[in-house]
């Protein structure tokens, strides 16, 4: 029989959701494939460029799902607030590693519209 989460655990689960579903991550999930294809077309690169973008996108989406699951599993073993914070820090670190490959492509695209 499952018990309802303790108030502290429920609060940290909300924190995990807000970290894993941040606006920046949602923006990247929604727009990365378009931006990647646009970059490939601007640079007149081959189909391989588009496939590489799709693979990177798949790794990113899958990685964020797995990171969130691992963090929720981490939370299940916690008994105090410091443990919860370590789980959240681990999630942030993992997400940062995943976005480090996507961010340069997204940033170059967005900066292309900035006034010169």
N, C-alpha and C. Protein backbone atom coordinates (compact mmCIF):
# COMPACT_ATOMS: atom_id res chain seq x y z
N UNK A 1 0.84 -1.17 0.00
CA UNK A 1 0.00 0.00 0.00
C UNK A 1 0.89 1.24 0.00
N UNK A 2 0.62 2.15 -0.88
CA UNK A 2 1.41 3.38 -0.99
C UNK A 2 0.88 4.42 -0.02
N UNK A 3 1.81 5.07 0.62
CA UNK A 3 1.45 6.15 1.56
C UNK A 3 1.59 7.49 0.86
N UNK A 4 0.79 8.46 1.25
CA UNK A 4 0.97 9.79 0.64
C UNK A 4 2.33 10.35 1.04
N UNK A 5 2.93 11.16 0.19
CA UNK A 5 4.26 11.69 0.51
C UNK A 5 4.18 12.65 1.70
N UNK A 6 5.27 12.69 2.46
CA UNK A 6 5.38 13.66 3.53
C UNK A 6 5.40 15.05 2.91
N UNK A 7 4.99 16.08 3.66
CA UNK A 7 4.97 17.44 3.09
C UNK A 7 6.32 17.86 2.50
N UNK A 8 7.41 17.53 3.18
CA UNK A 8 8.74 17.90 2.67
C UNK A 8 9.03 17.17 1.36
N UNK A 9 8.68 15.88 1.31
CA UNK A 9 8.91 15.11 0.09
C UNK A 9 8.06 15.66 -1.06
N UNK A 10 6.82 16.01 -0.78
CA UNK A 10 5.95 16.57 -1.81
C UNK A 10 6.51 17.88 -2.34
N UNK A 11 7.04 18.70 -1.45
CA UNK A 11 7.64 19.97 -1.87
C UNK A 11 8.85 19.73 -2.76
N UNK A 12 9.67 18.76 -2.39
CA UNK A 12 10.85 18.49 -3.21
C UNK A 12 10.48 17.85 -4.54
N UNK A 13 9.43 17.07 -4.57
CA UNK A 13 8.96 16.53 -5.85
C UNK A 13 8.53 17.67 -6.77
N UNK A 14 7.89 18.68 -6.21
CA UNK A 14 7.51 19.86 -7.00
C UNK A 14 8.76 20.57 -7.52
N UNK A 15 9.77 20.66 -6.66
CA UNK A 15 11.03 21.27 -7.08
C UNK A 15 11.65 20.50 -8.24
N UNK A 16 11.62 19.18 -8.16
CA UNK A 16 12.18 18.34 -9.22
C UNK A 16 11.44 18.59 -10.52
N UNK A 17 10.12 18.65 -10.43
CA UNK A 17 9.32 18.92 -11.64
C UNK A 17 9.67 20.28 -12.23
N UNK A 18 9.82 21.28 -11.37
CA UNK A 18 10.11 22.62 -11.90
C UNK A 18 11.51 22.69 -12.50
N UNK A 19 12.46 21.94 -11.96
CA UNK A 19 13.81 21.91 -12.53
C UNK A 19 13.81 21.17 -13.86
N UNK A 20 13.17 20.01 -13.89
CA UNK A 20 13.19 19.15 -15.08
C UNK A 20 12.29 19.68 -16.20
N UNK A 21 11.37 20.56 -15.85
CA UNK A 21 10.44 21.10 -16.85
C UNK A 21 10.56 22.62 -16.96
N UNK A 22 11.74 23.14 -16.78
CA UNK A 22 11.94 24.59 -16.82
C UNK A 22 11.60 25.14 -18.20
N UNK A 23 11.38 26.44 -18.25
CA UNK A 23 11.03 27.07 -19.53
C UNK A 23 12.14 26.91 -20.56
N UNK A 24 13.38 26.98 -20.13
CA UNK A 24 14.50 26.82 -21.06
C UNK A 24 14.51 25.42 -21.66
N UNK A 25 14.28 24.42 -20.83
CA UNK A 25 14.25 23.04 -21.35
C UNK A 25 13.06 22.83 -22.26
N UNK A 26 11.91 23.38 -21.91
CA UNK A 26 10.74 23.26 -22.76
C UNK A 26 10.97 23.94 -24.11
N UNK A 27 11.60 25.11 -24.08
CA UNK A 27 11.91 25.82 -25.31
C UNK A 27 12.83 24.98 -26.20
N UNK A 28 13.86 24.41 -25.60
CA UNK A 28 14.79 23.58 -26.37
C UNK A 28 14.08 22.36 -26.96
N UNK A 29 13.22 21.72 -26.17
CA UNK A 29 12.49 20.56 -26.68
C UNK A 29 11.59 20.93 -27.85
N UNK A 30 10.95 22.08 -27.76
CA UNK A 30 10.01 22.49 -28.81
C UNK A 30 10.72 22.92 -30.09
N UNK A 31 11.86 23.58 -29.97
CA UNK A 31 12.43 24.27 -31.12
C UNK A 31 13.75 23.71 -31.64
N UNK A 32 14.37 22.79 -30.94
CA UNK A 32 15.70 22.37 -31.35
C UNK A 32 15.73 21.74 -32.74
N UNK A 33 14.78 20.88 -33.06
CA UNK A 33 14.82 20.23 -34.38
C UNK A 33 14.73 21.25 -35.51
N UNK A 34 13.86 22.23 -35.36
CA UNK A 34 13.76 23.28 -36.37
C UNK A 34 15.07 24.05 -36.49
N UNK A 35 15.61 24.45 -35.33
CA UNK A 35 16.85 25.23 -35.32
C UNK A 35 17.99 24.43 -35.94
N UNK A 36 18.05 23.15 -35.63
CA UNK A 36 19.10 22.30 -36.18
C UNK A 36 18.98 22.19 -37.71
N UNK A 37 17.77 21.99 -38.20
CA UNK A 37 17.56 21.92 -39.66
C UNK A 37 17.90 23.25 -40.31
N UNK A 38 17.52 24.34 -39.67
CA UNK A 38 17.82 25.67 -40.19
C UNK A 38 19.33 25.87 -40.29
N UNK A 39 20.04 25.48 -39.24
CA UNK A 39 21.50 25.61 -39.22
C UNK A 39 22.11 24.80 -40.37
N UNK A 40 21.63 23.60 -40.56
CA UNK A 40 22.15 22.75 -41.63
C UNK A 40 21.89 23.36 -43.00
N UNK A 41 20.70 23.93 -43.19
CA UNK A 41 20.38 24.53 -44.49
C UNK A 41 21.20 25.80 -44.73
N UNK A 42 21.43 26.58 -43.69
CA UNK A 42 22.23 27.80 -43.83
C UNK A 42 23.69 27.48 -44.18
N UNK A 43 24.17 26.39 -43.62
CA UNK A 43 25.56 26.00 -43.87
C UNK A 43 25.67 25.07 -45.07
N UNK A 44 24.53 24.83 -45.73
CA UNK A 44 24.47 23.96 -46.91
C UNK A 44 25.14 22.62 -46.64
N UNK A 45 24.77 22.05 -45.49
CA UNK A 45 25.33 20.76 -45.12
C UNK A 45 24.39 19.64 -45.54
N UNK A 46 24.88 18.44 -45.48
CA UNK A 46 24.17 17.28 -46.00
C UNK A 46 23.09 16.77 -45.05
N UNK A 47 22.45 15.72 -45.51
CA UNK A 47 21.45 15.02 -44.71
C UNK A 47 22.04 14.52 -43.40
N UNK A 48 23.34 14.24 -43.41
CA UNK A 48 24.01 13.76 -42.19
C UNK A 48 23.90 14.79 -41.07
N UNK A 49 23.97 16.06 -41.41
CA UNK A 49 23.83 17.13 -40.42
C UNK A 49 22.46 17.07 -39.75
N UNK A 50 21.42 16.85 -40.56
CA UNK A 50 20.06 16.76 -40.04
C UNK A 50 19.92 15.53 -39.15
N UNK A 51 20.48 14.42 -39.58
CA UNK A 51 20.44 13.19 -38.77
C UNK A 51 21.18 13.37 -37.45
N UNK A 52 22.31 14.04 -37.50
CA UNK A 52 23.07 14.31 -36.27
C UNK A 52 22.23 15.15 -35.30
N UNK A 53 21.51 16.13 -35.85
CA UNK A 53 20.63 16.96 -35.03
C UNK A 53 19.51 16.14 -34.40
N UNK A 54 18.93 15.24 -35.18
CA UNK A 54 17.87 14.38 -34.64
C UNK A 54 18.40 13.47 -33.54
N UNK A 55 19.59 12.92 -33.76
CA UNK A 55 20.18 12.05 -32.74
C UNK A 55 20.47 12.82 -31.46
N UNK A 56 21.00 14.02 -31.60
CA UNK A 56 21.29 14.85 -30.44
C UNK A 56 19.99 15.19 -29.70
N UNK A 57 18.94 15.49 -30.44
CA UNK A 57 17.64 15.78 -29.84
C UNK A 57 17.12 14.56 -29.08
N UNK A 58 17.21 13.39 -29.68
CA UNK A 58 16.74 12.16 -29.02
C UNK A 58 17.51 11.91 -27.73
N UNK A 59 18.82 12.10 -27.78
CA UNK A 59 19.64 11.93 -26.57
C UNK A 59 19.21 12.92 -25.49
N UNK A 60 18.94 14.14 -25.90
CA UNK A 60 18.53 15.18 -24.96
C UNK A 60 17.20 14.83 -24.29
N UNK A 61 16.19 14.49 -25.09
CA UNK A 61 14.87 14.19 -24.55
C UNK A 61 14.92 12.95 -23.66
N UNK A 62 15.57 11.90 -24.14
CA UNK A 62 15.67 10.67 -23.36
C UNK A 62 16.47 10.93 -22.09
N UNK A 63 17.54 11.67 -22.21
CA UNK A 63 18.38 11.97 -21.05
C UNK A 63 17.65 12.74 -19.98
N UNK A 64 16.81 13.70 -20.38
CA UNK A 64 16.06 14.47 -19.38
C UNK A 64 15.04 13.59 -18.66
N UNK A 65 14.41 12.67 -19.38
CA UNK A 65 13.44 11.76 -18.74
C UNK A 65 14.15 10.85 -17.75
N UNK A 66 15.27 10.29 -18.16
CA UNK A 66 16.02 9.38 -17.28
C UNK A 66 16.54 10.14 -16.06
N UNK A 67 17.03 11.35 -16.27
CA UNK A 67 17.56 12.14 -15.15
C UNK A 67 16.46 12.40 -14.11
N UNK A 68 15.27 12.72 -14.58
CA UNK A 68 14.17 12.97 -13.65
C UNK A 68 13.81 11.69 -12.89
N UNK A 69 13.76 10.56 -13.59
CA UNK A 69 13.45 9.29 -12.94
C UNK A 69 14.50 8.94 -11.89
N UNK A 70 15.77 9.14 -12.23
CA UNK A 70 16.84 8.85 -11.27
C UNK A 70 16.74 9.75 -10.05
N UNK A 71 16.36 10.99 -10.27
CA UNK A 71 16.23 11.92 -9.15
C UNK A 71 15.07 11.53 -8.24
N UNK A 72 13.96 11.12 -8.81
CA UNK A 72 12.83 10.66 -8.00
C UNK A 72 13.21 9.40 -7.22
N UNK A 73 13.99 8.53 -7.83
CA UNK A 73 14.48 7.35 -7.13
C UNK A 73 15.41 7.76 -5.99
N UNK A 74 16.26 8.72 -6.25
CA UNK A 74 17.16 9.25 -5.23
C UNK A 74 16.35 9.79 -4.05
N UNK A 75 15.29 10.53 -4.34
CA UNK A 75 14.46 11.10 -3.28
C UNK A 75 13.84 10.02 -2.40
N UNK A 76 13.51 8.89 -3.00
CA UNK A 76 12.84 7.84 -2.23
C UNK A 76 13.73 7.30 -1.11
N UNK A 77 15.04 7.48 -1.23
CA UNK A 77 15.94 7.00 -0.18
C UNK A 77 16.33 8.06 0.83
N UNK A 78 15.78 9.25 0.68
CA UNK A 78 16.17 10.36 1.55
C UNK A 78 15.38 10.37 2.86
N UNK A 79 16.08 10.82 3.90
CA UNK A 79 15.44 10.98 5.20
C UNK A 79 15.55 12.41 5.72
N UNK A 80 16.41 13.23 5.10
CA UNK A 80 16.56 14.60 5.58
C UNK A 80 16.73 15.56 4.40
N UNK A 81 16.69 16.84 4.72
CA UNK A 81 16.70 17.87 3.69
C UNK A 81 18.00 17.91 2.90
N UNK A 82 19.12 17.63 3.54
CA UNK A 82 20.40 17.68 2.82
C UNK A 82 20.46 16.63 1.72
N UNK A 83 19.85 15.49 1.96
CA UNK A 83 19.80 14.44 0.95
C UNK A 83 18.96 14.90 -0.24
N UNK A 84 17.83 15.54 0.04
CA UNK A 84 16.98 16.06 -1.02
C UNK A 84 17.75 17.08 -1.87
N UNK A 85 18.50 17.92 -1.21
CA UNK A 85 19.28 18.94 -1.92
C UNK A 85 20.35 18.29 -2.80
N UNK A 86 20.96 17.22 -2.32
CA UNK A 86 21.95 16.51 -3.13
C UNK A 86 21.31 15.90 -4.37
N UNK A 87 20.11 15.36 -4.21
CA UNK A 87 19.40 14.80 -5.37
C UNK A 87 19.09 15.89 -6.40
N UNK A 88 18.62 17.04 -5.92
CA UNK A 88 18.32 18.15 -6.83
C UNK A 88 19.59 18.66 -7.51
N UNK A 89 20.68 18.75 -6.77
CA UNK A 89 21.94 19.21 -7.37
C UNK A 89 22.42 18.24 -8.45
N UNK A 90 22.23 16.96 -8.20
CA UNK A 90 22.60 15.95 -9.20
C UNK A 90 21.77 16.11 -10.46
N UNK A 91 20.48 16.38 -10.31
CA UNK A 91 19.61 16.61 -11.47
C UNK A 91 20.07 17.83 -12.25
N UNK A 92 20.34 18.92 -11.54
CA UNK A 92 20.81 20.13 -12.22
C UNK A 92 22.09 19.87 -13.00
N UNK A 93 22.99 19.12 -12.39
CA UNK A 93 24.27 18.81 -13.04
C UNK A 93 24.05 17.97 -14.30
N UNK A 94 23.20 16.97 -14.20
CA UNK A 94 22.92 16.11 -15.36
C UNK A 94 22.27 16.91 -16.48
N UNK A 95 21.29 17.74 -16.13
CA UNK A 95 20.62 18.55 -17.15
C UNK A 95 21.58 19.55 -17.79
N UNK A 96 22.47 20.08 -17.00
CA UNK A 96 23.47 21.00 -17.53
C UNK A 96 24.36 20.30 -18.56
N UNK A 97 24.74 19.07 -18.26
CA UNK A 97 25.53 18.30 -19.21
C UNK A 97 24.78 18.01 -20.49
N UNK A 98 23.49 17.75 -20.38
CA UNK A 98 22.68 17.47 -21.57
C UNK A 98 22.49 18.72 -22.42
N UNK A 99 22.27 19.84 -21.78
CA UNK A 99 22.03 21.07 -22.54
C UNK A 99 23.32 21.68 -23.09
N UNK A 100 24.45 21.29 -22.56
CA UNK A 100 25.72 21.88 -23.02
C UNK A 100 25.97 21.59 -24.50
N UNK A 101 25.39 20.52 -25.03
CA UNK A 101 25.55 20.20 -26.45
C UNK A 101 24.53 20.94 -27.32
N UNK A 102 23.39 21.25 -26.75
CA UNK A 102 22.32 21.90 -27.50
C UNK A 102 22.41 23.42 -27.43
N UNK A 103 22.83 23.92 -26.29
CA UNK A 103 22.86 25.38 -26.08
C UNK A 103 23.63 26.16 -27.15
N UNK A 104 24.82 25.72 -27.57
CA UNK A 104 25.52 26.52 -28.58
C UNK A 104 24.74 26.67 -29.89
N UNK A 105 24.07 25.62 -30.29
CA UNK A 105 23.28 25.66 -31.53
C UNK A 105 22.09 26.61 -31.36
N UNK A 106 21.40 26.49 -30.23
CA UNK A 106 20.25 27.36 -29.97
C UNK A 106 20.70 28.81 -29.83
N UNK A 107 21.79 29.04 -29.12
CA UNK A 107 22.27 30.41 -28.90
C UNK A 107 22.71 31.07 -30.21
N UNK A 108 23.42 30.32 -31.06
CA UNK A 108 23.83 30.88 -32.35
C UNK A 108 22.62 31.29 -33.18
N UNK A 109 21.59 30.46 -33.16
CA UNK A 109 20.38 30.77 -33.90
C UNK A 109 19.72 32.05 -33.37
N UNK A 110 19.55 32.11 -32.04
CA UNK A 110 18.90 33.28 -31.45
C UNK A 110 19.73 34.54 -31.65
N UNK A 111 21.04 34.42 -31.56
CA UNK A 111 21.90 35.59 -31.74
C UNK A 111 21.91 36.09 -33.19
N UNK A 112 21.55 35.20 -34.12
CA UNK A 112 21.53 35.62 -35.52
C UNK A 112 20.45 36.69 -35.77
N UNK A 113 19.48 36.81 -34.86
CA UNK A 113 18.44 37.81 -34.99
C UNK A 113 18.73 39.09 -34.22
N UNK A 114 19.79 39.08 -33.47
CA UNK A 114 20.13 40.27 -32.66
C UNK A 114 20.63 41.38 -33.58
N UNK A 115 20.32 42.61 -33.23
CA UNK A 115 20.82 43.73 -34.04
C UNK A 115 22.35 43.78 -33.97
N UNK A 116 22.93 44.15 -35.08
CA UNK A 116 24.40 44.15 -35.13
C UNK A 116 24.95 45.51 -34.85
